[in-house]
N, C-alpha and C. Protein backbone atom coordinates (compact mmCIF):
# COMPACT_ATOMS: atom_id res chain seq x y z
N UNK A 1 109.24 88.71 99.21
CA UNK A 1 108.46 88.53 97.95
C UNK A 1 107.53 87.59 98.39
N UNK A 2 106.81 86.81 99.30
CA UNK A 2 105.32 86.23 99.14
C UNK A 2 104.65 86.86 98.80
N UNK A 3 104.28 87.83 99.03
CA UNK A 3 103.04 88.88 98.64
C UNK A 3 103.39 89.05 96.73
N UNK A 4 103.40 88.61 96.08
CA UNK A 4 103.83 88.78 94.58
C UNK A 4 103.26 87.23 94.20
N UNK A 5 102.93 85.92 94.99
CA UNK A 5 102.66 85.17 95.70
C UNK A 5 100.88 85.15 95.19
N UNK A 6 100.74 85.15 97.05
CA UNK A 6 99.88 85.98 97.56
C UNK A 6 99.76 86.77 98.76
N UNK A 7 98.44 87.62 98.82
CA UNK A 7 98.89 89.15 99.72
C UNK A 7 99.62 88.22 101.20
N UNK A 8 99.77 89.19 101.68
CA UNK A 8 99.87 88.98 103.34
C UNK A 8 99.42 89.70 103.95
N UNK A 9 98.46 89.83 105.29
CA UNK A 9 97.59 90.38 105.87
C UNK A 9 97.48 90.28 107.22
N UNK A 10 98.32 91.59 107.35
CA UNK A 10 97.60 91.24 109.73
C UNK A 10 96.19 92.55 109.58
N UNK A 11 95.55 92.47 110.70
CA UNK A 11 94.35 92.67 111.01
C UNK A 11 94.34 93.60 112.18
N UNK A 12 94.00 94.90 112.24
CA UNK A 12 93.80 95.92 113.26
C UNK A 12 92.57 96.79 113.50
N UNK A 13 92.01 96.04 114.56
CA UNK A 13 90.50 96.85 115.21
C UNK A 13 90.73 98.20 115.12
N UNK A 14 89.90 98.64 114.45
CA UNK A 14 89.69 100.51 114.91
C UNK A 14 87.77 100.27 115.40
N UNK A 15 87.72 101.06 116.60
CA UNK A 15 86.26 101.31 116.73
C UNK A 15 85.57 102.06 115.83
N UNK A 16 85.98 102.89 114.81
CA UNK A 16 85.25 103.57 113.94
C UNK A 16 85.12 102.84 112.61
N UNK A 17 85.68 101.97 112.33
CA UNK A 17 86.31 100.91 110.70
C UNK A 17 86.52 99.69 111.55
N UNK A 18 85.79 99.28 112.23
CA UNK A 18 86.15 98.00 112.43
C UNK A 18 87.51 97.20 112.64
N UNK A 19 87.09 96.02 111.34
CA UNK A 19 88.33 95.14 111.15
C UNK A 19 89.14 96.21 109.85
N UNK A 20 90.69 96.16 110.11
CA UNK A 20 91.32 96.86 108.85
C UNK A 20 92.37 96.36 109.05
N UNK A 21 92.74 96.45 108.19
CA UNK A 21 93.36 94.88 107.07
C UNK A 21 94.97 95.67 106.50
N UNK A 22 96.11 95.27 106.66
CA UNK A 22 96.43 96.12 106.32
C UNK A 22 97.71 94.90 104.79
N UNK A 23 97.83 94.97 104.29
CA UNK A 23 97.86 94.11 103.25
C UNK A 23 98.79 94.35 102.10
N UNK A 24 99.83 92.86 101.92
CA UNK A 24 100.75 93.54 100.82
C UNK A 24 100.45 92.78 99.88
N UNK A 25 100.37 93.18 98.68
CA UNK A 25 100.38 92.78 97.47
C UNK A 25 100.84 93.42 96.64
N UNK A 26 101.06 91.88 95.73
CA UNK A 26 102.41 92.45 94.71
C UNK A 26 103.48 93.64 95.30
N UNK A 27 103.90 94.02 96.40
CA UNK A 27 105.25 94.18 96.38
C UNK A 27 105.08 95.46 97.23
N UNK A 28 103.93 95.67 96.87
CA UNK A 28 102.71 96.91 97.88
C UNK A 28 103.10 97.13 99.22
N UNK A 29 102.18 98.14 99.87
CA UNK A 29 101.34 98.08 101.11
C UNK A 29 99.63 98.42 100.52
N UNK A 30 98.54 97.82 101.50
CA UNK A 30 97.52 98.52 101.30
C UNK A 30 96.86 98.58 102.71
N UNK A 31 95.93 99.24 102.99
CA UNK A 31 94.98 99.41 103.78
C UNK A 31 93.63 99.17 103.51
N UNK A 32 93.15 98.98 103.45
CA UNK A 32 92.42 98.59 103.45
C UNK A 32 90.84 98.11 105.03
N UNK A 33 89.21 98.15 104.51
CA UNK A 33 88.76 97.98 105.71
C UNK A 33 88.16 96.55 105.71
N UNK A 34 86.77 96.39 105.83
CA UNK A 34 86.31 95.17 105.29
C UNK A 34 85.85 95.24 103.68
N UNK A 35 85.25 96.30 103.62
CA UNK A 35 84.53 95.80 101.92
C UNK A 35 85.26 97.26 100.91
N UNK A 36 86.25 98.42 101.76
CA UNK A 36 86.80 99.31 101.22
C UNK A 36 88.07 99.47 100.85
N UNK A 37 88.89 99.62 99.87
CA UNK A 37 90.31 100.42 100.28
C UNK A 37 90.05 102.21 101.21
N UNK A 38 90.97 101.94 101.61
CA UNK A 38 91.43 103.36 102.46
C UNK A 38 92.24 103.63 101.84
N UNK A 39 93.41 103.08 101.09
CA UNK A 39 94.78 103.90 101.16
C UNK A 39 95.18 102.95 100.44
N UNK A 40 96.12 103.63 99.28
CA UNK A 40 97.75 102.67 98.33
C UNK A 40 96.85 101.76 97.73
N UNK A 41 95.76 102.23 97.05
CA UNK A 41 94.96 101.33 96.24
C UNK A 41 94.31 101.84 94.84
N UNK A 42 92.82 101.16 95.37
CA UNK A 42 91.92 101.70 93.91
C UNK A 42 91.85 103.11 94.72
N UNK A 43 91.12 103.58 95.86
CA UNK A 43 91.86 105.14 96.76
C UNK A 43 92.86 105.57 96.01
N UNK A 44 93.77 105.34 95.75
CA UNK A 44 95.56 106.27 95.75
C UNK A 44 94.77 106.66 93.97
N UNK A 45 94.52 105.63 93.16
CA UNK A 45 94.06 106.06 92.16
C UNK A 45 93.17 106.63 91.41
N UNK A 46 92.03 106.87 92.61
CA UNK A 46 90.84 107.59 92.33
C UNK A 46 91.13 109.60 92.61
N UNK A 47 92.06 109.45 93.99
CA UNK A 47 92.20 110.94 94.24
C UNK A 47 93.69 111.43 93.01
N UNK A 48 94.03 110.79 92.91
CA UNK A 48 95.46 110.94 91.26
C UNK A 48 94.74 111.57 90.48
N UNK A 49 93.67 110.47 89.85
CA UNK A 49 93.05 110.68 89.07
C UNK A 49 92.49 112.88 89.02
N UNK A 50 91.64 112.57 90.07
CA UNK A 50 90.94 113.70 89.96
C UNK A 50 92.23 115.10 90.27
N UNK A 51 93.78 115.03 91.16
CA UNK A 51 94.05 115.72 90.64
C UNK A 51 95.33 115.99 89.68
N UNK A 52 94.99 115.30 88.69
CA UNK A 52 95.12 115.53 87.14
C UNK A 52 94.62 116.94 86.71
N UNK A 53 93.75 116.98 86.70
CA UNK A 53 92.73 117.65 86.44
C UNK A 53 92.67 119.00 86.51
N UNK A 54 93.85 119.40 88.23
CA UNK A 54 94.76 120.48 88.74
C UNK A 54 94.42 120.87 88.57
N UNK A 55 95.37 122.25 88.16
CA UNK A 55 96.98 123.07 88.38
C UNK A 55 97.93 123.23 89.42
N UNK A 56 98.36 122.54 90.38
CA UNK A 56 98.36 122.61 91.34
C UNK A 56 99.77 123.71 91.69
N UNK A 57 100.17 124.26 91.09
CA UNK A 57 101.60 125.40 90.55
C UNK A 57 101.41 126.28 91.24
N UNK A 58 100.59 126.92 91.69
CA UNK A 58 100.12 128.18 92.59
C UNK A 58 99.76 128.14 93.78
N UNK A 59 99.78 126.08 94.06
CA UNK A 59 98.82 126.44 95.50
C UNK A 59 99.99 126.40 96.55
N UNK A 60 99.85 127.18 97.49
CA UNK A 60 100.80 127.39 98.68
C UNK A 60 100.76 126.43 100.18
N UNK A 61 99.19 125.90 100.17
CA UNK A 61 98.09 125.39 101.26
C UNK A 61 97.13 124.26 100.76
N UNK A 62 97.27 123.39 101.04
CA UNK A 62 96.39 121.89 100.90
C UNK A 62 96.06 121.88 101.99
N UNK A 63 94.66 120.83 102.64
CA UNK A 63 93.76 120.53 103.40
C UNK A 63 93.48 119.88 103.52
N UNK A 64 93.16 118.12 103.51
CA UNK A 64 93.29 116.81 103.52
C UNK A 64 92.18 116.94 104.62
N UNK A 65 90.76 116.55 104.59
CA UNK A 65 89.77 116.21 105.05
C UNK A 65 89.46 114.11 104.82
N UNK A 66 90.01 113.54 105.90
CA UNK A 66 90.03 112.15 105.75
C UNK A 66 91.27 111.86 105.46
N UNK A 67 92.13 111.50 106.08
CA UNK A 67 93.56 111.21 105.77
C UNK A 67 93.65 109.97 105.87
N UNK A 68 92.90 108.68 106.24
CA UNK A 68 93.75 107.79 105.89
C UNK A 68 94.74 106.96 106.07
N UNK A 69 95.21 106.42 105.61
CA UNK A 69 96.83 106.42 105.38
C UNK A 69 98.11 107.20 104.88
N UNK A 70 97.09 108.05 104.38
CA UNK A 70 97.85 108.83 103.52
C UNK A 70 98.41 108.97 102.36
N UNK A 71 98.10 107.95 101.78
CA UNK A 71 98.10 107.82 100.78
C UNK A 71 97.84 109.35 99.56
N UNK A 72 97.58 109.69 99.98
CA UNK A 72 97.14 111.22 98.65
C UNK A 72 98.63 112.29 99.39
N UNK A 73 98.61 111.88 100.49
CA UNK A 73 100.29 112.87 101.15
C UNK A 73 100.83 112.48 100.31
N UNK A 74 101.24 111.14 99.92
CA UNK A 74 102.58 110.66 99.24
C UNK A 74 102.47 110.99 97.81
N UNK A 75 100.68 111.33 97.21
CA UNK A 75 100.86 111.34 96.20
C UNK A 75 100.94 112.69 95.97
N UNK A 76 101.09 113.58 96.32
CA UNK A 76 101.40 115.34 96.69
C UNK A 76 102.53 115.16 95.98
N UNK A 77 103.29 114.55 97.21
CA UNK A 77 104.88 114.55 97.15
C UNK A 77 105.68 114.24 96.25
N UNK A 78 105.39 112.81 95.70
CA UNK A 78 105.98 112.43 95.24
C UNK A 78 105.30 112.26 93.86
N UNK A 79 103.86 112.57 93.52
CA UNK A 79 104.26 112.21 91.78
C UNK A 79 103.78 113.72 91.14
N UNK A 80 103.42 114.59 92.45
CA UNK A 80 103.15 116.21 91.76
C UNK A 80 103.98 116.63 92.15
N UNK A 81 105.13 116.13 92.92
CA UNK A 81 106.56 117.18 93.47
C UNK A 81 106.07 118.73 94.59
N UNK A 82 104.56 118.04 95.04
CA UNK A 82 104.23 119.19 95.87
C UNK A 82 104.91 119.29 97.11
N UNK A 83 105.72 120.90 97.14
CA UNK A 83 106.20 120.74 98.56
C UNK A 83 105.92 122.07 99.78
N UNK A 84 104.97 122.40 99.27
CA UNK A 84 104.19 123.25 100.47
C UNK A 84 103.72 123.17 101.18
N UNK A 85 102.97 123.45 102.01
CA UNK A 85 102.55 122.91 103.74
C UNK A 85 100.90 122.23 103.09
N UNK A 86 100.87 120.80 103.87
CA UNK A 86 99.75 120.48 103.54
C UNK A 86 99.25 120.06 105.66
N UNK A 87 97.86 120.18 105.99
CA UNK A 87 97.32 119.85 106.95
C UNK A 87 96.10 118.99 106.82
N UNK A 88 96.61 118.13 107.90
CA UNK A 88 95.49 116.60 107.08
C UNK A 88 94.90 116.48 108.67
N UNK A 89 93.04 115.72 108.46
CA UNK A 89 92.78 115.81 109.54
C UNK A 89 92.22 114.17 109.68
N UNK A 90 92.13 113.66 109.81
CA UNK A 90 91.70 112.35 110.48
C UNK A 90 91.55 111.90 111.85
N UNK A 91 89.99 111.21 111.93
CA UNK A 91 89.11 111.37 113.05
C UNK A 91 89.82 110.02 114.08
N UNK A 92 90.23 109.07 113.51
CA UNK A 92 91.05 107.62 113.99
C UNK A 92 91.94 107.99 113.99
N UNK A 93 92.28 107.53 116.02
CA UNK A 93 94.01 107.70 116.36
C UNK A 93 94.43 106.36 115.63
N UNK A 94 94.26 104.70 115.22
CA UNK A 94 94.24 104.20 115.07
C UNK A 94 94.70 104.38 113.70
N UNK A 95 94.32 104.33 113.08
CA UNK A 95 94.33 104.92 111.44
C UNK A 95 95.71 106.30 111.23
N UNK A 96 95.79 106.98 112.14
CA UNK A 96 97.23 108.09 112.62
C UNK A 96 98.66 106.96 112.94
N UNK A 97 97.90 106.61 113.46
CA UNK A 97 99.51 105.12 113.84
C UNK A 97 99.51 104.70 112.91
N UNK A 98 98.79 103.79 112.60
CA UNK A 98 99.25 103.31 111.39
C UNK A 98 99.51 104.24 110.34
N UNK A 99 99.35 105.20 109.54
CA UNK A 99 100.22 105.73 109.00
C UNK A 99 101.05 106.40 108.95
N UNK A 100 101.70 106.39 110.42
CA UNK A 100 102.60 106.32 110.74
C UNK A 100 103.99 105.65 110.70
N UNK A 101 103.73 104.90 111.11
CA UNK A 101 104.38 103.17 111.34
C UNK A 101 104.31 102.30 110.31
N UNK A 102 103.32 102.31 109.83
CA UNK A 102 103.58 101.77 108.50
C UNK A 102 103.82 102.50 106.98
N UNK A 103 103.20 103.62 106.39
CA UNK A 103 103.61 103.80 105.70
C UNK A 103 104.39 105.41 106.08
N UNK A 104 104.95 105.50 106.96
CA UNK A 104 106.06 106.46 107.17
C UNK A 104 105.48 108.07 107.40
N UNK A 105 103.99 108.06 107.60
CA UNK A 105 103.48 110.01 107.23
C UNK A 105 103.60 110.16 109.09
N UNK A 106 104.09 110.97 108.61
CA UNK A 106 105.13 111.19 109.68
C UNK A 106 104.93 113.62 110.22
N UNK A 107 104.67 113.77 110.81
CA UNK A 107 104.57 115.82 111.10
C UNK A 107 106.04 115.87 110.81
N UNK A 108 105.62 116.87 109.88
CA UNK A 108 106.98 117.63 110.26
C UNK A 108 107.07 119.43 109.75
N UNK A 109 107.42 120.43 109.39
CA UNK A 109 107.19 121.31 109.11
C UNK A 109 106.26 121.42 107.94
N UNK A 110 106.48 120.58 107.12
CA UNK A 110 105.36 120.90 105.94
C UNK A 110 104.21 120.56 105.98
N UNK A 111 103.59 119.73 107.12
CA UNK A 111 102.51 118.48 107.47
C UNK A 111 102.56 118.47 108.80
N UNK A 112 100.73 119.17 109.34
CA UNK A 112 100.72 119.10 110.38
C UNK A 112 99.28 118.07 110.41
N UNK A 113 98.71 117.27 111.95
CA UNK A 113 98.11 116.22 111.00
C UNK A 113 96.68 116.72 112.50
N UNK A 114 95.92 116.94 112.67
CA UNK A 114 94.78 116.88 113.25
C UNK A 114 93.57 115.75 113.15
N UNK A 115 94.11 115.15 114.22
CA UNK A 115 93.58 113.95 114.89
C UNK A 115 91.92 114.18 115.44
N UNK A 116 91.28 114.82 114.79
CA UNK A 116 89.53 114.99 115.06
C UNK A 116 88.50 114.60 114.42
N UNK A 117 87.15 115.15 114.86
CA UNK A 117 86.37 114.62 113.45
C UNK A 117 86.14 115.99 112.43
N UNK A 118 86.24 116.11 111.32
CA UNK A 118 86.58 116.77 109.81
C UNK A 118 84.99 117.67 110.25
N UNK A 119 84.80 117.91 110.74
CA UNK A 119 83.49 118.79 111.06
C UNK A 119 83.46 119.48 111.96
N UNK A 120 84.14 118.90 112.81
CA UNK A 120 84.72 119.86 114.48
C UNK A 120 85.80 120.76 113.56
N UNK A 121 86.22 120.71 113.04
CA UNK A 121 87.79 120.89 112.46
C UNK A 121 87.03 121.83 111.39
N UNK A 122 86.46 122.24 110.41
CA UNK A 122 86.02 122.77 110.23
C UNK A 122 84.94 123.86 110.36
N UNK A 123 84.46 123.77 111.89
CA UNK A 123 83.62 124.89 112.28
C UNK A 123 84.76 125.16 112.83
N UNK A 124 86.26 125.14 113.55
CA UNK A 124 86.85 125.97 114.19
C UNK A 124 87.68 126.68 113.33
N UNK A 125 88.23 126.56 112.20
CA UNK A 125 89.37 126.43 111.44
C UNK A 125 89.08 128.27 110.78
N UNK A 126 89.97 128.63 111.08
CA UNK A 126 90.86 130.23 110.44
C UNK A 126 91.47 130.53 109.58
N UNK A 127 92.25 129.24 108.65
CA UNK A 127 93.05 129.11 108.35
C UNK A 127 92.23 129.05 106.83
N UNK A 128 93.38 129.92 105.26
CA UNK A 128 92.36 129.61 104.04
C UNK A 128 93.59 128.64 103.14
N UNK A 129 92.88 128.01 102.41
CA UNK A 129 93.54 127.15 101.97
C UNK A 129 93.40 126.86 100.50
N UNK A 130 94.02 126.59 99.95
CA UNK A 130 94.47 126.48 98.33
C UNK A 130 93.57 125.35 97.81
N UNK A 131 93.25 124.29 98.27
CA UNK A 131 93.18 123.00 97.89
C UNK A 131 92.77 122.58 98.65
N UNK A 132 90.64 122.18 98.78
CA UNK A 132 90.70 121.11 99.73
C UNK A 132 90.71 119.71 99.45
N UNK A 133 90.93 118.74 99.90
CA UNK A 133 90.47 117.73 99.64
C UNK A 133 89.40 116.79 100.09
N UNK A 134 88.57 116.07 99.96
CA UNK A 134 87.47 115.74 100.94
C UNK A 134 87.63 114.09 100.10
N UNK A 135 87.63 113.42 101.88
CA UNK A 135 88.25 112.27 101.59
C UNK A 135 87.07 111.13 102.09
N UNK A 136 85.91 111.11 103.22
CA UNK A 136 85.54 111.39 104.67
C UNK A 136 84.52 109.61 104.36
N UNK A 137 85.13 108.60 104.86
CA UNK A 137 84.11 107.37 104.62
C UNK A 137 84.38 106.83 105.99
N UNK A 138 83.40 106.06 105.89
CA UNK A 138 83.65 105.50 106.89
C UNK A 138 82.71 103.60 105.89
N UNK A 139 84.01 102.68 106.23
CA UNK A 139 84.07 101.71 105.32
C UNK A 139 83.86 102.14 103.55
N UNK A 140 82.53 101.42 103.44
CA UNK A 140 81.96 102.07 101.79
C UNK A 140 80.92 103.48 101.71
N UNK A 141 80.95 104.25 103.01
CA UNK A 141 79.53 105.41 103.35
C UNK A 141 80.44 106.38 103.22
N UNK A 142 79.71 107.27 102.82
CA UNK A 142 80.26 109.41 102.84
C UNK A 142 78.85 109.65 104.17
N UNK A 143 79.87 109.36 105.30
CA UNK A 143 78.59 109.70 106.59
C UNK A 143 77.52 111.31 106.23
N UNK A 144 76.02 111.06 105.79
CA UNK A 144 75.45 112.06 105.62
C UNK A 144 75.88 113.06 105.78
N UNK A 145 76.18 113.53 107.22
CA UNK A 145 76.66 114.72 107.46
C UNK A 145 77.89 115.88 107.00
N UNK A 146 78.38 114.99 105.58
CA UNK A 146 79.05 115.32 104.78
C UNK A 146 78.78 115.89 103.88
N UNK A 147 77.92 115.90 103.70
CA UNK A 147 77.02 115.63 102.09
C UNK A 147 75.97 117.07 102.56
N UNK A 148 75.51 117.02 103.71
CA UNK A 148 75.08 118.91 104.35
C UNK A 148 74.95 120.13 103.76
N UNK A 149 74.25 120.53 103.56
CA UNK A 149 75.14 121.87 103.11
C UNK A 149 75.86 123.02 104.22
N UNK A 150 75.71 122.56 105.72
CA UNK A 150 76.25 122.87 106.91
C UNK A 150 77.38 122.71 106.51
N UNK A 151 78.04 121.33 106.52
CA UNK A 151 79.26 121.14 106.23
C UNK A 151 79.62 121.80 105.22
N UNK A 152 79.42 121.68 104.24
CA UNK A 152 80.17 122.74 103.15
C UNK A 152 80.14 124.11 103.22
N UNK A 153 79.05 124.81 104.05
CA UNK A 153 79.25 125.88 104.07
C UNK A 153 81.12 126.11 105.05
N UNK A 154 80.88 125.81 105.87
CA UNK A 154 82.19 125.33 106.30
C UNK A 154 83.25 125.38 105.71
N UNK A 155 82.96 124.04 105.08
CA UNK A 155 84.36 124.01 103.53
C UNK A 155 84.78 124.75 103.33
N UNK A 156 83.46 125.95 102.49
CA UNK A 156 84.21 126.71 101.62
C UNK A 156 84.85 127.58 102.55
N UNK A 157 84.31 128.55 103.93
CA UNK A 157 84.55 129.01 104.50
C UNK A 157 85.73 129.01 104.34
N UNK A 158 86.87 127.89 104.44
CA UNK A 158 87.94 127.31 104.17
C UNK A 158 88.97 127.91 103.37
N UNK A 159 88.24 127.71 101.69
CA UNK A 159 89.04 127.60 101.17
C UNK A 159 89.59 128.95 100.49
N UNK A 160 90.72 129.63 99.60
CA UNK A 160 90.86 130.80 99.30
C UNK A 160 90.10 130.93 98.73
N UNK A 161 90.03 132.73 98.16
CA UNK A 161 89.38 132.88 97.11
C UNK A 161 89.13 132.18 95.89
N UNK A 162 90.01 131.50 95.45
CA UNK A 162 89.99 131.54 94.18
C UNK A 162 90.67 129.89 94.48
N UNK A 163 90.34 129.41 94.98
CA UNK A 163 90.25 127.85 95.70
C UNK A 163 89.67 127.06 94.85
N UNK A 164 90.65 125.44 95.29
CA UNK A 164 89.61 124.83 95.22
C UNK A 164 89.08 123.73 95.56
N UNK A 165 88.13 122.41 95.49
CA UNK A 165 87.73 121.71 96.32
C UNK A 165 87.81 120.43 95.44
N UNK A 166 88.04 119.24 95.90
CA UNK A 166 88.40 118.01 95.13
C UNK A 166 87.84 117.08 96.30
N UNK A 167 86.80 116.86 95.37
CA UNK A 167 85.39 115.92 96.63
C UNK A 167 85.61 114.42 95.92
N UNK A 168 85.95 113.63 96.16
CA UNK A 168 86.10 112.32 96.11
C UNK A 168 84.48 111.33 96.77
N UNK A 169 83.51 111.76 96.34
CA UNK A 169 81.76 110.97 96.57
C UNK A 169 81.81 109.68 96.21
N UNK A 170 80.91 109.00 96.92
CA UNK A 170 80.36 107.46 96.71
C UNK A 170 79.05 107.63 96.35
N UNK A 171 78.30 107.68 95.31
CA UNK A 171 77.43 107.44 94.54
C UNK A 171 76.52 106.77 95.09
N UNK A 172 75.42 106.65 95.55
CA UNK A 172 74.73 104.87 95.28
C UNK A 172 73.19 105.65 95.15
N UNK A 173 71.89 104.96 95.37
CA UNK A 173 71.04 105.00 95.11
C UNK A 173 70.31 105.82 96.58
N UNK A 174 71.12 105.39 97.86
CA UNK A 174 70.59 106.19 99.03
C UNK A 174 70.65 108.09 99.38
N UNK A 175 72.06 107.78 98.90
CA UNK A 175 72.73 109.31 98.44
C UNK A 175 72.42 110.21 97.74
N UNK A 176 71.67 110.08 96.49
CA UNK A 176 72.06 110.04 94.52
C UNK A 176 71.39 112.44 94.79
N UNK A 177 70.40 111.83 95.48
CA UNK A 177 69.52 113.09 96.04
C UNK A 177 70.71 114.30 96.14
N UNK A 178 71.25 114.07 97.61
CA UNK A 178 72.11 114.56 98.59
C UNK A 178 73.47 114.77 97.55
N UNK A 179 73.73 114.14 96.51
CA UNK A 179 74.73 114.60 95.39
C UNK A 179 74.35 115.43 94.93
N UNK A 180 73.61 115.49 94.12
CA UNK A 180 73.01 116.61 93.12
C UNK A 180 72.81 117.78 93.55
N UNK A 181 72.09 117.21 94.92
CA UNK A 181 72.04 119.11 95.47
C UNK A 181 72.94 120.27 96.01
N UNK A 182 73.74 119.06 97.04
CA UNK A 182 75.71 119.45 96.71
C UNK A 182 76.45 119.88 95.65
N UNK A 183 76.34 119.53 94.34
CA UNK A 183 76.57 120.30 93.05
C UNK A 183 75.69 121.01 92.80
N UNK A 184 74.74 121.63 92.69
CA UNK A 184 73.54 122.61 92.76
C UNK A 184 74.02 123.76 93.38
N UNK A 185 74.76 123.87 95.00
CA UNK A 185 74.52 124.33 95.25
C UNK A 185 76.12 125.28 95.38
N UNK A 186 77.09 124.04 94.91
CA UNK A 186 78.44 125.02 94.48
C UNK A 186 78.12 125.44 93.63
N UNK A 187 77.68 125.74 92.47
CA UNK A 187 77.42 125.96 91.67
C UNK A 187 76.77 127.42 91.84
N UNK A 188 76.22 127.23 92.84
CA UNK A 188 75.64 128.55 93.34
C UNK A 188 76.24 129.79 94.02
N UNK A 189 77.26 129.05 94.14
CA UNK A 189 78.03 130.09 95.16
C UNK A 189 79.32 130.61 94.12
N UNK A 190 78.73 130.53 92.66
CA UNK A 190 79.55 130.63 91.80
C UNK A 190 80.96 130.04 91.26
N UNK A 191 80.92 128.30 91.84
CA UNK A 191 81.96 127.43 91.08
C UNK A 191 81.86 127.11 89.87
N UNK A 192 82.62 127.01 89.05
CA UNK A 192 82.74 125.57 88.02
C UNK A 192 83.31 124.50 88.71
N UNK A 193 82.01 123.50 88.07
CA UNK A 193 81.84 122.53 88.62
C UNK A 193 82.03 121.54 88.10
N UNK A 194 83.27 120.49 87.63
CA UNK A 194 83.43 119.44 86.95
C UNK A 194 83.10 118.13 87.56
N UNK A 195 82.64 117.06 87.59
CA UNK A 195 81.66 116.21 88.20
C UNK A 195 82.23 114.73 86.89
N UNK A 196 83.20 113.75 87.26
CA UNK A 196 83.69 112.85 86.43
C UNK A 196 83.15 111.54 86.98
N UNK A 197 82.26 110.61 86.27
CA UNK A 197 81.60 109.67 87.20
C UNK A 197 82.57 108.27 86.97
N UNK A 198 82.24 106.84 87.71
CA UNK A 198 82.76 105.60 87.96
C UNK A 198 84.41 105.78 87.44
N UNK A 199 84.57 106.80 87.70
CA UNK A 199 86.25 106.89 87.99
C UNK A 199 86.76 105.57 88.65
N UNK A 200 88.05 104.60 88.01
CA UNK A 200 88.36 103.21 88.64
C UNK A 200 87.12 102.27 88.75
N UNK A 201 86.14 102.72 87.83
CA UNK A 201 84.95 102.01 88.12
C UNK A 201 84.20 102.31 89.29
N UNK A 202 84.19 103.31 89.98
CA UNK A 202 83.22 102.88 91.18
C UNK A 202 83.29 103.93 91.11
N UNK A 203 83.89 105.36 92.30
CA UNK A 203 83.91 106.70 92.86
C UNK A 203 83.06 107.84 91.87
N UNK A 204 82.61 109.33 92.24
CA UNK A 204 82.26 110.20 91.06
C UNK A 204 83.30 111.38 92.03
N UNK A 205 84.59 111.71 91.17
CA UNK A 205 85.28 113.06 91.99
C UNK A 205 84.35 114.05 91.25
N UNK A 206 84.64 115.24 92.04
CA UNK A 206 84.19 117.07 91.90
C UNK A 206 84.53 117.05 92.11
N UNK A 207 84.89 118.23 91.29
CA UNK A 207 86.09 119.80 91.31
C UNK A 207 85.49 120.53 91.14
N UNK A 208 85.37 121.22 92.41
CA UNK A 208 84.84 123.12 92.00
C UNK A 208 85.77 123.74 92.33
N UNK A 209 86.07 124.77 91.02
CA UNK A 209 86.80 125.96 90.87
C UNK A 209 86.32 126.81 91.73
N UNK A 210 86.95 127.89 92.05
CA UNK A 210 86.30 130.31 92.50
C UNK A 210 87.21 129.80 91.29
N UNK A 211 85.55 130.49 90.83
CA UNK A 211 85.60 131.56 89.48
C UNK A 211 86.63 132.85 89.80
């Protein structure tokens, strides 16, 4: 009940993300880094916005690159009634443990969690997924390697023939040219590319659909 009066917070240290905060606010639990929401706050609303633009009806498999606390998994299960297979990749073992202990994100026959680097995962992956959600951040920043064509070549290789990619991008002056180059690259691969700027007054959401 105190969380309805003022936020209640505990802090956990991660070697990748620094100080992470698990905060009860208005009766809901959030996972935040020093400057950004990682799960169950504004990030969840941004990804939900993107998912509302996608018809999940015929999707049998989803890959999440950047699981965080697992809010997008809960969104898929609870808001979209998605009950098929999900695989999630998260670099930080501390965050994987937080997802399990604080938010109830636990592996089962329909959820597999890979604790590893997303770049390494797509380099070695041999499966095809109908939807790939790319949500890779360190605090406020998308690491530059996840904007490079080498990474996206591997992402596209992991996508089914008519599959879709949903990218939650943080666009700023330092990476705007790279994001523009990525969009042009996706278009060159015969994708329909939809761009939604300032979603939730913050991020750009990019959706690439196979034609």
